[in-house]
Amino acid sequence: MPEDTKAPAPVVASFTLDASHPMAKHIDNITTPPVAGDVVEGTIIELVRGRLYVDLPPWGAGIIYGREYLNAADVLRKVNPGDTITAKVVDPAGIDGYIELSLKEARQAAIWGEAEAAILNGNTFNLTVEEANKGGLILSWQGIKGFLPASQLSKDHYPRVPEGDKDKIFGELLKLQGTQLSVRIITADAKEGKLIFSEKSGEEETEKTNLIDKYQVGDTVDGEVTGAVDFGVFVKLEQGLEGLVHISELDWGLVEDPRTMYAVGDRVQVKVIEIKDGKVSLSIKALKDNPWKLASEQYKKGQEVTGVIIKYNKHGALASIEEGVAGLVHISEFATPAELRETLELGKTYPFTITLFEPKDQRMTLTFTGEKKGAKK
């Protein structure tokens, strides 16, 4: 063949089957062969020497063997020729031309399908808490481990800890290990193996959202104290909705223990100061006159005042010059922390000079002008 002569392009035959052709009516009934990941159903042909053969018309026969056979051994002991089983295709071109199948993976696929159905139906399950971590709880459903975030716990089990302290949240969650919770599935992702639970009912979530929508920042509400803890008090605004008054929002003065101020059942008036992530933050002090505003008209830098020592901290001592207005006496004024505490005793009144006064930011520093005492040996 001359060098400049090209080989003819391959001819691709094509044809269209006329609608009147006797085979035309069968075209739509032709099924495509299964691919890896498909779930198929077939009839057991026989079980021989650790191999289970399954009839999969019209594609031929399937086989479960090796590791897949061992994984499903407990189930396969109970089956007989003629039984129908559901399996998942592992390899459509498996050993000796058989379609390789997995019974265990088919079961897993079925479970994920059940999980999706449970979400749609809103089914609830009583499950035991197996483990806890700083984010929530671990529970198992149908052999699959799932996660229940702390934020999805009911109000009875939600860890009430100050400012989201993760270590304290973890401590509260540990107390739930071994207990049984009524939960529902809210996320089921088979591909990522993600199963998420919630202890809150869908109606409860919707109801709470509807209740919160009735309130706006700035609203003043009459409520009832439902709990007093180290970091504040919980106040019921209405049935099904409560908010937190953080310890810093209880009063303009120093609050050491909210329990000394409020008890369960007390009626209080609160102001809504924040609505975020389904939580309502409240304030009681916001409904009282701000003493710093009044203090701005009475005090100034360099002025001599008297104050009562109300608290020690790592920076020094706090001295209250009037209710709700306190300044810091810095520890650097003393040789040692012991000298500071010996000189400035809790509950006693001493003379000071104001060295910094920023009432807008509620900041004040004081210098002790009395006689210092030496630390005891």
Foldseek 3Di string as FASTA:
>chain_A
DDPPDDDDDDDDDDDDDDPVDPCNVCPVVDDDQDAAFDKAKFFWAADDDQKTWTAGPPLGIAIEHDPLSVVCVVVVVPDDGGDMAIWGFHHCCDDPRHGYTHRVVRVVVVVLVVLVVQQVVQDKDWWAFADFALFATWTDDPRAIATEGLVQEDPVQRDDDPPSPSVSNRVSRRVRHGPIAIWGWNDRDSVVSYTYIGSDGPVLVVVLVVVPVVDDAFDKAKWFWADFDQFFTWTARDPSDIATEGLVQEALADDRGCCVVDDGGDIAIWGFHDQPPSHTYIHRHVVPDQVLVVVVVVDDAFDKAKFAFADADPQATWTARDGSAIAGEGPVLDPDNQQRCVFHPHGDMAMWGWHDRDSVVSYTHTYGDDDTDDGDD
